[in-house]
N, C-alpha and C. Protein backbone atom coordinates (compact mmCIF):
# COMPACT_ATOMS: atom_id res chain seq x y z
N MET A 1 -44.90 -37.70 -45.17
CA MET A 1 -45.96 -37.79 -44.29
C MET A 1 -45.50 -38.46 -43.02
N ALA A 2 -45.91 -37.94 -41.80
CA ALA A 2 -45.44 -38.38 -40.55
C ALA A 2 -45.71 -39.80 -40.30
N SER A 3 -46.94 -40.34 -40.78
CA SER A 3 -47.33 -41.69 -40.57
C SER A 3 -46.44 -42.72 -41.33
N GLU A 4 -45.69 -42.22 -42.30
CA GLU A 4 -44.81 -43.10 -43.06
C GLU A 4 -43.42 -43.23 -42.43
N THR A 5 -43.12 -42.39 -41.35
CA THR A 5 -41.84 -42.41 -40.75
C THR A 5 -41.62 -43.72 -39.99
N PRO A 6 -40.51 -44.42 -40.33
CA PRO A 6 -40.23 -45.68 -39.65
C PRO A 6 -40.09 -45.56 -38.20
N LEU A 7 -40.31 -46.63 -37.46
CA LEU A 7 -40.17 -46.62 -36.05
C LEU A 7 -38.66 -46.66 -35.69
N SER A 8 -38.30 -45.85 -34.68
CA SER A 8 -36.89 -45.81 -34.22
C SER A 8 -36.66 -47.12 -33.46
N ASN A 9 -35.38 -47.33 -33.18
CA ASN A 9 -34.96 -48.55 -32.48
C ASN A 9 -35.62 -48.60 -31.17
N GLN A 10 -35.65 -47.54 -30.42
CA GLN A 10 -36.32 -47.57 -29.02
C GLN A 10 -37.76 -47.89 -29.30
N ALA A 11 -38.46 -47.31 -30.27
CA ALA A 11 -39.88 -47.52 -30.53
C ALA A 11 -40.07 -49.05 -30.84
N GLY A 12 -39.18 -49.64 -31.54
CA GLY A 12 -39.27 -51.10 -31.78
C GLY A 12 -39.22 -51.98 -30.53
N ILE A 13 -38.29 -51.50 -29.63
CA ILE A 13 -38.17 -52.18 -28.39
C ILE A 13 -39.46 -52.04 -27.58
N CYS A 14 -40.00 -50.84 -27.56
CA CYS A 14 -41.26 -50.54 -26.87
C CYS A 14 -42.41 -51.25 -27.50
N LEU A 15 -42.42 -51.42 -28.75
CA LEU A 15 -43.40 -52.13 -29.40
C LEU A 15 -43.36 -53.63 -29.01
N MET A 16 -42.19 -54.17 -28.86
CA MET A 16 -42.07 -55.58 -28.43
C MET A 16 -42.76 -55.75 -27.01
N CYS A 17 -42.39 -54.83 -26.17
CA CYS A 17 -43.10 -54.84 -24.85
C CYS A 17 -44.59 -54.75 -24.94
N ALA A 18 -45.03 -53.79 -25.78
CA ALA A 18 -46.45 -53.61 -25.86
C ALA A 18 -47.12 -54.87 -26.41
N CYS A 19 -46.54 -55.52 -27.38
CA CYS A 19 -47.13 -56.68 -27.99
C CYS A 19 -47.15 -57.94 -27.04
N GLU A 20 -46.30 -57.95 -26.01
CA GLU A 20 -46.17 -58.96 -25.11
C GLU A 20 -47.02 -58.68 -23.87
N ASN A 21 -47.66 -57.47 -23.79
CA ASN A 21 -48.49 -57.08 -22.69
C ASN A 21 -49.90 -57.35 -23.06
N GLY A 22 -50.56 -58.29 -22.49
CA GLY A 22 -51.93 -58.67 -22.73
C GLY A 22 -52.90 -57.70 -22.34
N ASP A 23 -52.45 -56.70 -21.47
CA ASP A 23 -53.33 -55.62 -21.11
C ASP A 23 -53.32 -54.41 -22.05
N ASN A 24 -52.39 -54.44 -22.99
CA ASN A 24 -52.24 -53.25 -23.88
C ASN A 24 -53.34 -53.51 -25.00
N ARG A 25 -54.38 -52.70 -24.86
CA ARG A 25 -55.57 -52.93 -25.74
C ARG A 25 -55.20 -52.56 -27.26
N LEU A 26 -54.37 -51.48 -27.48
CA LEU A 26 -54.03 -51.15 -28.86
C LEU A 26 -53.08 -52.13 -29.37
N ALA A 27 -52.17 -52.76 -28.62
CA ALA A 27 -51.28 -53.74 -29.16
C ALA A 27 -52.10 -55.05 -29.59
N ARG A 28 -53.10 -55.36 -28.79
CA ARG A 28 -53.93 -56.53 -29.23
C ARG A 28 -54.64 -56.25 -30.60
N LEU A 29 -55.12 -55.01 -30.70
CA LEU A 29 -55.81 -54.66 -31.87
C LEU A 29 -54.80 -54.58 -33.07
N LEU A 30 -53.59 -54.10 -32.86
CA LEU A 30 -52.53 -54.08 -33.88
C LEU A 30 -52.18 -55.51 -34.24
N LEU A 31 -52.00 -56.42 -33.43
CA LEU A 31 -51.63 -57.76 -33.74
C LEU A 31 -52.73 -58.39 -34.57
N VAL A 32 -54.00 -58.20 -34.25
CA VAL A 32 -55.12 -58.68 -35.09
C VAL A 32 -55.02 -58.11 -36.43
N ARG A 33 -55.02 -56.75 -36.46
CA ARG A 33 -55.02 -56.03 -37.82
C ARG A 33 -53.90 -56.50 -38.71
N ALA A 34 -52.74 -56.73 -38.08
CA ALA A 34 -51.57 -57.12 -38.93
C ALA A 34 -51.57 -58.61 -39.18
N GLY A 35 -52.43 -59.41 -38.58
CA GLY A 35 -52.49 -60.82 -38.72
C GLY A 35 -51.15 -61.43 -38.17
N ALA A 36 -50.71 -60.87 -37.08
CA ALA A 36 -49.37 -61.30 -36.46
C ALA A 36 -49.52 -61.78 -35.04
N MET A 37 -48.49 -62.52 -34.58
CA MET A 37 -48.48 -63.05 -33.26
C MET A 37 -47.45 -62.36 -32.42
N SER A 38 -46.67 -61.49 -32.98
CA SER A 38 -45.58 -60.84 -32.25
C SER A 38 -45.25 -59.46 -32.92
N ALA A 39 -44.45 -58.69 -32.22
CA ALA A 39 -44.00 -57.39 -32.82
C ALA A 39 -43.20 -57.63 -34.12
N THR A 40 -42.51 -58.75 -34.23
CA THR A 40 -41.75 -59.09 -35.44
C THR A 40 -42.66 -59.32 -36.57
N GLY A 41 -43.83 -59.93 -36.34
CA GLY A 41 -44.81 -60.09 -37.40
C GLY A 41 -45.45 -58.79 -37.78
N VAL A 42 -45.71 -57.88 -36.83
CA VAL A 42 -46.16 -56.55 -37.11
C VAL A 42 -45.25 -55.75 -37.99
N ILE A 43 -43.98 -55.82 -37.74
CA ILE A 43 -42.94 -55.11 -38.56
C ILE A 43 -42.91 -55.66 -39.96
N ALA A 44 -43.03 -57.01 -40.04
CA ALA A 44 -43.05 -57.63 -41.42
C ALA A 44 -44.32 -57.12 -42.09
N ALA A 45 -45.42 -57.03 -41.51
CA ALA A 45 -46.69 -56.59 -42.13
C ALA A 45 -46.53 -55.12 -42.53
N VAL A 46 -45.87 -54.33 -41.77
CA VAL A 46 -45.66 -52.90 -42.20
C VAL A 46 -44.86 -52.91 -43.46
N PHE A 47 -43.82 -53.70 -43.57
CA PHE A 47 -42.98 -53.64 -44.82
C PHE A 47 -43.64 -54.15 -46.02
N ILE A 48 -44.68 -55.14 -45.91
CA ILE A 48 -45.29 -55.62 -47.10
C ILE A 48 -46.61 -54.90 -47.42
N ALA A 49 -47.16 -54.05 -46.51
CA ALA A 49 -48.34 -53.40 -46.72
C ALA A 49 -48.30 -52.34 -47.78
N ASP A 50 -49.45 -52.00 -48.43
CA ASP A 50 -49.48 -50.91 -49.25
C ASP A 50 -49.47 -49.61 -48.49
N SER A 51 -49.29 -48.49 -49.04
CA SER A 51 -49.08 -47.24 -48.29
C SER A 51 -50.16 -46.90 -47.38
N HIS A 52 -51.46 -47.14 -47.79
CA HIS A 52 -52.57 -46.83 -46.88
C HIS A 52 -52.63 -47.71 -45.67
N GLU A 53 -52.46 -49.04 -45.96
CA GLU A 53 -52.42 -50.00 -44.83
C GLU A 53 -51.27 -49.83 -43.93
N ARG A 54 -50.12 -49.50 -44.49
CA ARG A 54 -48.92 -49.21 -43.74
C ARG A 54 -49.13 -47.98 -42.76
N GLY A 55 -49.75 -46.99 -43.30
CA GLY A 55 -50.10 -45.86 -42.44
C GLY A 55 -50.95 -46.18 -41.32
N ASP A 56 -52.03 -47.04 -41.55
CA ASP A 56 -52.96 -47.49 -40.48
C ASP A 56 -52.17 -48.31 -39.42
N LEU A 57 -51.26 -49.19 -39.88
CA LEU A 57 -50.59 -50.04 -38.98
C LEU A 57 -49.65 -49.26 -38.06
N LEU A 58 -48.99 -48.21 -38.71
CA LEU A 58 -48.06 -47.37 -38.02
C LEU A 58 -48.80 -46.52 -36.96
N VAL A 59 -50.01 -46.08 -37.21
CA VAL A 59 -50.78 -45.29 -36.34
C VAL A 59 -51.12 -46.22 -35.10
N LEU A 60 -51.58 -47.48 -35.36
CA LEU A 60 -51.84 -48.41 -34.34
C LEU A 60 -50.57 -48.70 -33.47
N ALA A 61 -49.47 -48.87 -34.14
CA ALA A 61 -48.16 -49.20 -33.50
C ALA A 61 -47.78 -48.04 -32.53
N ARG A 62 -47.85 -46.82 -33.11
CA ARG A 62 -47.56 -45.67 -32.21
C ARG A 62 -48.50 -45.54 -31.00
N GLY A 63 -49.81 -45.91 -31.21
CA GLY A 63 -50.69 -45.89 -30.13
C GLY A 63 -50.43 -46.90 -29.08
N ALA A 64 -50.05 -48.08 -29.55
CA ALA A 64 -49.73 -49.24 -28.61
C ALA A 64 -48.38 -48.82 -27.86
N ILE A 65 -47.52 -48.19 -28.52
CA ILE A 65 -46.25 -47.72 -27.82
C ILE A 65 -46.63 -46.69 -26.82
N ALA A 66 -47.47 -45.75 -27.16
CA ALA A 66 -47.84 -44.69 -26.17
C ALA A 66 -48.60 -45.31 -24.99
N GLU A 67 -49.42 -46.32 -25.28
CA GLU A 67 -50.16 -46.95 -24.15
C GLU A 67 -49.15 -47.71 -23.29
N GLN A 68 -48.19 -48.32 -23.85
CA GLN A 68 -47.13 -49.00 -23.07
C GLN A 68 -46.27 -48.01 -22.26
N ARG A 69 -45.92 -46.91 -22.89
CA ARG A 69 -45.16 -45.86 -22.29
C ARG A 69 -45.81 -45.34 -21.00
N ASP A 70 -47.13 -45.18 -21.15
CA ASP A 70 -47.93 -44.60 -19.97
C ASP A 70 -47.79 -45.69 -18.82
N ARG A 71 -47.92 -46.88 -19.16
CA ARG A 71 -47.81 -47.99 -18.11
C ARG A 71 -46.38 -47.98 -17.50
N CYS A 72 -45.40 -47.92 -18.39
CA CYS A 72 -43.94 -47.92 -17.93
C CYS A 72 -43.72 -46.73 -17.03
N LEU A 73 -44.20 -45.61 -17.40
CA LEU A 73 -43.98 -44.36 -16.47
C LEU A 73 -44.66 -44.59 -15.12
N ARG A 74 -45.89 -45.09 -15.17
CA ARG A 74 -46.61 -45.34 -13.94
C ARG A 74 -45.94 -46.33 -13.08
N GLU A 75 -45.44 -47.53 -13.75
CA GLU A 75 -44.93 -48.58 -12.91
C GLU A 75 -43.40 -48.72 -12.85
N GLY A 76 -42.76 -47.66 -13.46
CA GLY A 76 -41.33 -47.65 -13.28
C GLY A 76 -40.55 -48.62 -14.12
N LEU A 77 -41.09 -49.02 -15.30
CA LEU A 77 -40.45 -49.99 -16.17
C LEU A 77 -39.77 -49.35 -17.44
N PHE A 78 -39.67 -48.11 -17.45
CA PHE A 78 -39.17 -47.44 -18.73
C PHE A 78 -37.70 -47.71 -19.01
N ALA A 79 -36.91 -47.84 -18.05
CA ALA A 79 -35.48 -48.15 -18.32
C ALA A 79 -35.29 -49.49 -18.94
N SER A 80 -34.43 -49.65 -19.92
CA SER A 80 -34.39 -50.93 -20.60
C SER A 80 -33.96 -52.13 -19.77
N TYR A 81 -33.22 -51.81 -18.63
CA TYR A 81 -32.82 -52.91 -17.77
C TYR A 81 -34.03 -53.45 -16.95
N ARG A 82 -35.22 -52.69 -17.07
CA ARG A 82 -36.35 -53.07 -16.33
C ARG A 82 -37.37 -53.74 -17.30
N CYS A 83 -37.05 -53.80 -18.54
CA CYS A 83 -37.99 -54.43 -19.56
C CYS A 83 -38.15 -55.95 -19.17
N PRO A 84 -39.21 -56.54 -19.62
CA PRO A 84 -39.39 -57.98 -19.45
C PRO A 84 -38.13 -58.75 -19.97
N ASP A 85 -37.77 -59.82 -19.27
CA ASP A 85 -36.54 -60.59 -19.74
C ASP A 85 -36.68 -60.97 -21.20
N SER A 86 -37.83 -61.43 -21.62
CA SER A 86 -38.02 -61.92 -23.00
C SER A 86 -37.67 -60.79 -24.03
N VAL A 87 -38.01 -59.59 -23.68
CA VAL A 87 -37.76 -58.44 -24.59
C VAL A 87 -36.21 -58.09 -24.55
N ARG A 88 -35.74 -58.11 -23.30
CA ARG A 88 -34.30 -57.78 -23.22
C ARG A 88 -33.45 -58.84 -23.95
N LYS A 89 -33.74 -60.11 -23.94
CA LYS A 89 -33.01 -61.14 -24.68
C LYS A 89 -33.16 -60.84 -26.22
N LYS A 90 -34.33 -60.50 -26.63
CA LYS A 90 -34.54 -60.33 -28.14
C LYS A 90 -33.90 -59.08 -28.59
N THR A 91 -33.67 -58.10 -27.73
CA THR A 91 -33.10 -56.79 -28.22
C THR A 91 -31.68 -56.65 -27.91
N GLY A 92 -31.06 -57.61 -27.11
CA GLY A 92 -29.69 -57.55 -26.77
C GLY A 92 -29.38 -56.52 -25.70
N THR A 93 -30.41 -56.21 -24.93
CA THR A 93 -30.25 -55.25 -23.87
C THR A 93 -30.18 -56.01 -22.44
N ASP A 94 -30.00 -57.24 -22.51
CA ASP A 94 -30.00 -58.10 -21.26
C ASP A 94 -28.70 -57.92 -20.44
N ASP A 95 -27.67 -57.26 -21.02
CA ASP A 95 -26.46 -57.08 -20.24
C ASP A 95 -26.35 -55.72 -19.54
N GLU A 96 -27.41 -54.91 -19.77
CA GLU A 96 -27.32 -53.57 -19.20
C GLU A 96 -27.68 -53.60 -17.71
C-alpha cells in the first residue's frame, strides 16, 4: 500500500522544515495527532503506531511536506542550502 511506503531522506528533511514552520497547518495537525513536538517525534510515532494509525500519520506527513514544498517553491527555499539553519544542522547539510 502506498501509504505504508517510508519517507525518503529528502522527505524527512522537508518534514523537519514543515514541523518547524508555524504557518504549516498540516504540520501543526500532524504534531498534535502524533503527540510530538518535532519531526523526530513524528517519525518515532510512525514507527510505534499500528498499521491504521501509521497510514493516517503518513498521509498527514505527506500533506505537511506538500504544503511546505509549495511555500519553498514560492519563496525560493527549496535548495537545501537555503533551508533554515536549525534544519541544516540537524541534517548535516550545513556545509553545502
